[in-house]
Amino acid sequence: ANVLMSLARLDNAPRSEALAKHMLDGIRNAVGRVHKRPLRSAGFSVLKAADIPSVLLEVGFLSTAEDLKNLSDPIWRQGMAAGIRDGLIAWRDEDRALAPLRRN
């Protein structure tokens, strides 16, 4: 079972990476500025799904003055939401196009 789960995760990892990159592009296009190291990885169990791509998105921290200002601004939040949406749509379209090439 562990071997099968590892194989499934290997097949799914490129989809998760593509999802993260598309979301980053969408956010960057919508709000302009992103963290200096926006793409990172971690061993969180929620990111280890074998059957679906997964990403963890942090849009700011309440303990940081600039982030708190952004999070309190409805226009900034609307832009962030639009960027996330646009990234998801771009990833979905690419993922559908690549689906015939994936192992089933």
N, C-alpha and C. Protein backbone atom coordinates (compact mmCIF):
# COMPACT_ATOMS: atom_id res chain seq x y z
N ALA A 1 0.83 -1.20 0.00
CA ALA A 1 0.00 0.00 0.00
C ALA A 1 0.87 1.25 0.00
N ASN A 2 1.96 1.23 0.77
CA ASN A 2 2.85 2.40 0.83
C ASN A 2 3.49 2.67 -0.53
N VAL A 3 3.86 1.62 -1.24
CA VAL A 3 4.47 1.78 -2.56
C VAL A 3 3.46 2.38 -3.53
N LEU A 4 2.23 1.88 -3.50
CA LEU A 4 1.20 2.42 -4.39
C LEU A 4 0.90 3.88 -4.08
N MET A 5 0.86 4.23 -2.80
CA MET A 5 0.62 5.63 -2.42
C MET A 5 1.78 6.51 -2.90
N SER A 6 3.00 6.01 -2.77
CA SER A 6 4.16 6.78 -3.23
C SER A 6 4.11 7.00 -4.74
N LEU A 7 3.73 5.97 -5.47
CA LEU A 7 3.61 6.10 -6.93
C LEU A 7 2.53 7.12 -7.30
N ALA A 8 1.42 7.06 -6.61
CA ALA A 8 0.33 8.00 -6.89
C ALA A 8 0.78 9.43 -6.59
N ARG A 9 1.53 9.61 -5.50
CA ARG A 9 2.02 10.95 -5.16
C ARG A 9 3.02 11.45 -6.20
N LEU A 10 3.85 10.54 -6.71
CA LEU A 10 4.80 10.92 -7.75
C LEU A 10 4.08 11.39 -9.01
N ASP A 11 3.01 10.73 -9.37
CA ASP A 11 2.22 11.13 -10.53
C ASP A 11 1.51 12.46 -10.29
N ASN A 12 1.14 12.71 -9.06
CA ASN A 12 0.35 13.89 -8.72
C ASN A 12 1.22 15.12 -8.43
N ALA A 13 2.48 14.92 -8.07
CA ALA A 13 3.34 16.05 -7.69
C ALA A 13 3.47 17.10 -8.80
N PRO A 14 3.68 16.71 -10.06
CA PRO A 14 3.77 17.74 -11.10
C PRO A 14 2.47 18.55 -11.26
N ARG A 15 1.34 17.92 -11.01
CA ARG A 15 0.07 18.65 -11.09
C ARG A 15 -0.01 19.68 -9.96
N SER A 16 0.43 19.32 -8.77
CA SER A 16 0.44 20.26 -7.65
C SER A 16 1.39 21.42 -7.92
N GLU A 17 2.56 21.12 -8.49
CA GLU A 17 3.52 22.18 -8.82
C GLU A 17 2.94 23.13 -9.86
N ALA A 18 2.30 22.58 -10.87
CA ALA A 18 1.68 23.41 -11.91
C ALA A 18 0.57 24.27 -11.31
N LEU A 19 -0.22 23.69 -10.41
CA LEU A 19 -1.29 24.45 -9.75
C LEU A 19 -0.70 25.62 -8.98
N ALA A 20 0.36 25.37 -8.22
CA ALA A 20 0.99 26.43 -7.44
C ALA A 20 1.52 27.54 -8.35
N LYS A 21 2.15 27.17 -9.45
CA LYS A 21 2.71 28.18 -10.37
C LYS A 21 1.61 29.00 -11.04
N HIS A 22 0.53 28.36 -11.44
CA HIS A 22 -0.57 29.09 -12.06
C HIS A 22 -1.23 30.03 -11.05
N MET A 23 -1.40 29.58 -9.81
CA MET A 23 -1.99 30.45 -8.80
C MET A 23 -1.07 31.63 -8.51
N LEU A 24 0.23 31.38 -8.45
CA LEU A 24 1.18 32.47 -8.24
C LEU A 24 1.10 33.49 -9.37
N ASP A 25 1.05 33.02 -10.61
CA ASP A 25 0.93 33.93 -11.76
C ASP A 25 -0.35 34.74 -11.67
N GLY A 26 -1.46 34.09 -11.32
CA GLY A 26 -2.73 34.80 -11.20
C GLY A 26 -2.69 35.86 -10.12
N ILE A 27 -2.11 35.52 -8.98
CA ILE A 27 -2.01 36.47 -7.87
C ILE A 27 -1.08 37.62 -8.25
N ARG A 28 0.05 37.29 -8.85
CA ARG A 28 1.00 38.34 -9.25
C ARG A 28 0.36 39.30 -10.25
N ASN A 29 -0.39 38.77 -11.20
CA ASN A 29 -1.07 39.62 -12.17
C ASN A 29 -2.15 40.49 -11.53
N ALA A 30 -2.78 39.97 -10.49
CA ALA A 30 -3.91 40.69 -9.88
C ALA A 30 -3.46 41.73 -8.85
N VAL A 31 -2.50 41.38 -8.00
CA VAL A 31 -2.12 42.30 -6.92
C VAL A 31 -0.71 42.85 -7.07
N GLY A 32 0.04 42.33 -8.02
CA GLY A 32 1.36 42.87 -8.31
C GLY A 32 2.49 42.30 -7.49
N ARG A 33 2.46 42.47 -6.22
CA ARG A 33 3.58 42.10 -5.36
C ARG A 33 3.31 40.79 -4.64
N VAL A 34 4.33 39.92 -4.62
CA VAL A 34 4.24 38.67 -3.87
C VAL A 34 5.50 38.53 -3.02
N HIS A 35 5.49 37.56 -2.15
CA HIS A 35 6.63 37.29 -1.28
C HIS A 35 7.90 37.04 -2.11
N LYS A 36 9.05 37.37 -1.54
CA LYS A 36 10.30 37.21 -2.29
C LYS A 36 10.60 35.75 -2.63
N ARG A 37 10.14 34.81 -1.84
CA ARG A 37 10.26 33.37 -2.13
C ARG A 37 8.86 32.77 -2.08
N PRO A 38 8.08 32.97 -3.13
CA PRO A 38 6.66 32.62 -3.06
C PRO A 38 6.35 31.13 -3.14
N LEU A 39 7.23 30.34 -3.74
CA LEU A 39 6.96 28.90 -3.87
C LEU A 39 7.87 28.11 -2.94
N ARG A 40 7.26 27.43 -2.00
CA ARG A 40 8.01 26.59 -1.07
C ARG A 40 7.28 25.26 -0.94
N SER A 41 7.92 24.33 -0.31
CA SER A 41 7.27 23.03 -0.08
C SER A 41 7.41 22.65 1.39
N ALA A 42 6.52 21.76 1.80
CA ALA A 42 6.52 21.30 3.20
C ALA A 42 5.88 19.91 3.25
N GLY A 43 6.13 19.22 4.31
CA GLY A 43 5.61 17.87 4.46
C GLY A 43 4.29 17.79 5.20
N PHE A 44 3.48 18.83 5.11
CA PHE A 44 2.18 18.82 5.79
C PHE A 44 1.31 17.70 5.22
N SER A 45 0.60 17.03 6.08
CA SER A 45 -0.23 15.90 5.62
C SER A 45 -1.30 16.34 4.64
N VAL A 46 -1.80 17.57 4.76
CA VAL A 46 -2.83 18.05 3.82
C VAL A 46 -2.26 18.25 2.42
N LEU A 47 -0.95 18.31 2.29
CA LEU A 47 -0.32 18.48 0.99
C LEU A 47 0.14 17.16 0.39
N LYS A 48 -0.15 16.07 1.05
CA LYS A 48 0.31 14.76 0.60
C LYS A 48 -0.79 13.91 -0.02
N ALA A 49 -1.86 14.53 -0.43
CA ALA A 49 -2.96 13.78 -1.04
C ALA A 49 -2.45 13.06 -2.28
N ALA A 50 -2.79 11.80 -2.42
CA ALA A 50 -2.33 11.02 -3.56
C ALA A 50 -3.26 11.15 -4.75
N ASP A 51 -4.49 11.55 -4.51
CA ASP A 51 -5.48 11.53 -5.59
C ASP A 51 -5.82 12.88 -6.19
N ILE A 52 -5.47 13.97 -5.50
CA ILE A 52 -5.78 15.30 -6.02
C ILE A 52 -4.59 16.23 -5.79
N PRO A 53 -4.37 17.18 -6.69
CA PRO A 53 -3.31 18.16 -6.46
C PRO A 53 -3.66 19.03 -5.26
N SER A 54 -2.65 19.46 -4.54
CA SER A 54 -2.92 20.28 -3.36
C SER A 54 -1.85 21.34 -3.20
N VAL A 55 -2.27 22.50 -2.72
CA VAL A 55 -1.37 23.60 -2.41
C VAL A 55 -1.84 24.24 -1.11
N LEU A 56 -0.94 24.90 -0.45
CA LEU A 56 -1.27 25.68 0.74
C LEU A 56 -1.01 27.13 0.38
N LEU A 57 -2.00 27.96 0.54
CA LEU A 57 -1.92 29.36 0.15
C LEU A 57 -1.99 30.24 1.39
N GLU A 58 -0.97 31.05 1.59
CA GLU A 58 -0.98 32.04 2.67
C GLU A 58 -1.02 33.42 2.01
N VAL A 59 -2.03 34.18 2.32
CA VAL A 59 -2.17 35.49 1.69
C VAL A 59 -1.67 36.62 2.60
N GLY A 60 -1.34 36.32 3.83
CA GLY A 60 -0.82 37.34 4.72
C GLY A 60 -0.88 36.90 6.16
N PHE A 61 -0.29 37.73 7.01
CA PHE A 61 -0.24 37.44 8.43
C PHE A 61 -0.81 38.62 9.21
N LEU A 62 -1.67 38.33 10.14
CA LEU A 62 -2.28 39.39 10.95
C LEU A 62 -1.25 40.11 11.81
N SER A 63 -0.10 39.49 12.06
CA SER A 63 0.93 40.09 12.90
C SER A 63 1.83 41.05 12.14
N THR A 64 1.67 41.15 10.83
CA THR A 64 2.47 42.06 10.01
C THR A 64 1.61 43.24 9.60
N ALA A 65 2.08 44.45 9.88
CA ALA A 65 1.27 45.65 9.66
C ALA A 65 0.81 45.77 8.20
N GLU A 66 1.71 45.59 7.25
CA GLU A 66 1.33 45.73 5.84
C GLU A 66 0.33 44.65 5.42
N ASP A 67 0.57 43.41 5.88
CA ASP A 67 -0.37 42.33 5.57
C ASP A 67 -1.74 42.61 6.17
N LEU A 68 -1.76 43.08 7.40
CA LEU A 68 -3.03 43.41 8.06
C LEU A 68 -3.78 44.50 7.30
N LYS A 69 -3.03 45.51 6.83
CA LYS A 69 -3.65 46.57 6.03
C LYS A 69 -4.26 45.99 4.76
N ASN A 70 -3.52 45.13 4.07
CA ASN A 70 -4.04 44.51 2.85
C ASN A 70 -5.27 43.65 3.15
N LEU A 71 -5.18 42.82 4.16
CA LEU A 71 -6.28 41.93 4.49
C LEU A 71 -7.54 42.69 4.92
N SER A 72 -7.35 43.91 5.41
CA SER A 72 -8.49 44.74 5.83
C SER A 72 -9.09 45.53 4.66
N ASP A 73 -8.39 45.55 3.54
CA ASP A 73 -8.81 46.34 2.39
C ASP A 73 -9.68 45.50 1.45
N PRO A 74 -10.97 45.84 1.30
CA PRO A 74 -11.84 45.04 0.44
C PRO A 74 -11.41 45.01 -1.03
N ILE A 75 -10.79 46.08 -1.50
CA ILE A 75 -10.32 46.11 -2.89
C ILE A 75 -9.15 45.15 -3.07
N TRP A 76 -8.22 45.14 -2.10
CA TRP A 76 -7.10 44.21 -2.17
C TRP A 76 -7.61 42.77 -2.10
N ARG A 77 -8.55 42.50 -1.20
CA ARG A 77 -9.09 41.15 -1.09
C ARG A 77 -9.78 40.72 -2.38
N GLN A 78 -10.49 41.64 -3.01
CA GLN A 78 -11.15 41.33 -4.28
C GLN A 78 -10.11 41.01 -5.35
N GLY A 79 -9.02 41.76 -5.38
CA GLY A 79 -7.95 41.48 -6.33
C GLY A 79 -7.31 40.13 -6.06
N MET A 80 -7.07 39.83 -4.80
CA MET A 80 -6.47 38.54 -4.43
C MET A 80 -7.40 37.40 -4.85
N ALA A 81 -8.67 37.54 -4.57
CA ALA A 81 -9.64 36.50 -4.95
C ALA A 81 -9.67 36.32 -6.46
N ALA A 82 -9.62 37.41 -7.20
CA ALA A 82 -9.61 37.32 -8.67
C ALA A 82 -8.35 36.64 -9.16
N GLY A 83 -7.22 36.94 -8.54
CA GLY A 83 -5.97 36.29 -8.92
C GLY A 83 -5.99 34.79 -8.66
N ILE A 84 -6.54 34.40 -7.52
CA ILE A 84 -6.67 32.97 -7.20
C ILE A 84 -7.58 32.30 -8.22
N ARG A 85 -8.71 32.94 -8.50
CA ARG A 85 -9.65 32.40 -9.49
C ARG A 85 -8.98 32.24 -10.86
N ASP A 86 -8.29 33.28 -11.30
CA ASP A 86 -7.65 33.23 -12.61
C ASP A 86 -6.59 32.13 -12.67
N GLY A 87 -5.83 31.98 -11.59
CA GLY A 87 -4.83 30.91 -11.54
C GLY A 87 -5.45 29.54 -11.59
N LEU A 88 -6.54 29.37 -10.86
CA LEU A 88 -7.24 28.07 -10.87
C LEU A 88 -7.79 27.75 -12.26
N ILE A 89 -8.36 28.75 -12.91
CA ILE A 89 -8.92 28.51 -14.24
C ILE A 89 -7.81 28.16 -15.23
N ALA A 90 -6.69 28.88 -15.16
CA ALA A 90 -5.57 28.59 -16.07
C ALA A 90 -5.04 27.18 -15.82
N TRP A 91 -4.92 26.80 -14.55
CA TRP A 91 -4.44 25.46 -14.24
C TRP A 91 -5.44 24.40 -14.72
N ARG A 92 -6.71 24.63 -14.48
CA ARG A 92 -7.73 23.67 -14.90
C ARG A 92 -7.66 23.44 -16.41
N ASP A 93 -7.54 24.51 -17.17
CA ASP A 93 -7.48 24.37 -18.62
C ASP A 93 -6.25 23.59 -19.06
N GLU A 94 -5.10 23.91 -18.46
CA GLU A 94 -3.88 23.18 -18.80
C GLU A 94 -3.96 21.72 -18.36
N ASP A 95 -4.49 21.50 -17.16
CA ASP A 95 -4.59 20.13 -16.63
C ASP A 95 -5.50 19.27 -17.50
N ARG A 96 -6.59 19.83 -17.97
CA ARG A 96 -7.49 19.09 -18.87
C ARG A 96 -6.78 18.74 -20.17
N ALA A 97 -6.01 19.67 -20.69
CA ALA A 97 -5.29 19.42 -21.95
C ALA A 97 -4.25 18.32 -21.79
N LEU A 98 -3.65 18.23 -20.61
CA LEU A 98 -2.61 17.22 -20.37
C LEU A 98 -3.17 15.88 -19.88
N ALA A 99 -4.44 15.85 -19.54
CA ALA A 99 -5.03 14.63 -18.97
C ALA A 99 -4.82 13.39 -19.84
N PRO A 100 -4.95 13.45 -21.16
CA PRO A 100 -4.75 12.24 -21.97
C PRO A 100 -3.34 11.69 -21.89
N LEU A 101 -2.38 12.50 -21.49
CA LEU A 101 -0.98 12.07 -21.42
C LEU A 101 -0.64 11.40 -20.09
N ARG A 102 -1.52 11.53 -19.10
CA ARG A 102 -1.25 10.97 -17.77
C ARG A 102 -1.57 9.48 -17.72
N ARG A 103 -0.83 8.81 -16.87
CA ARG A 103 -1.09 7.38 -16.61
C ARG A 103 -2.34 7.23 -15.79
N ASN A 104 -3.19 6.28 -16.13
CA ASN A 104 -4.43 6.02 -15.36
C ASN A 104 -4.29 4.80 -14.50
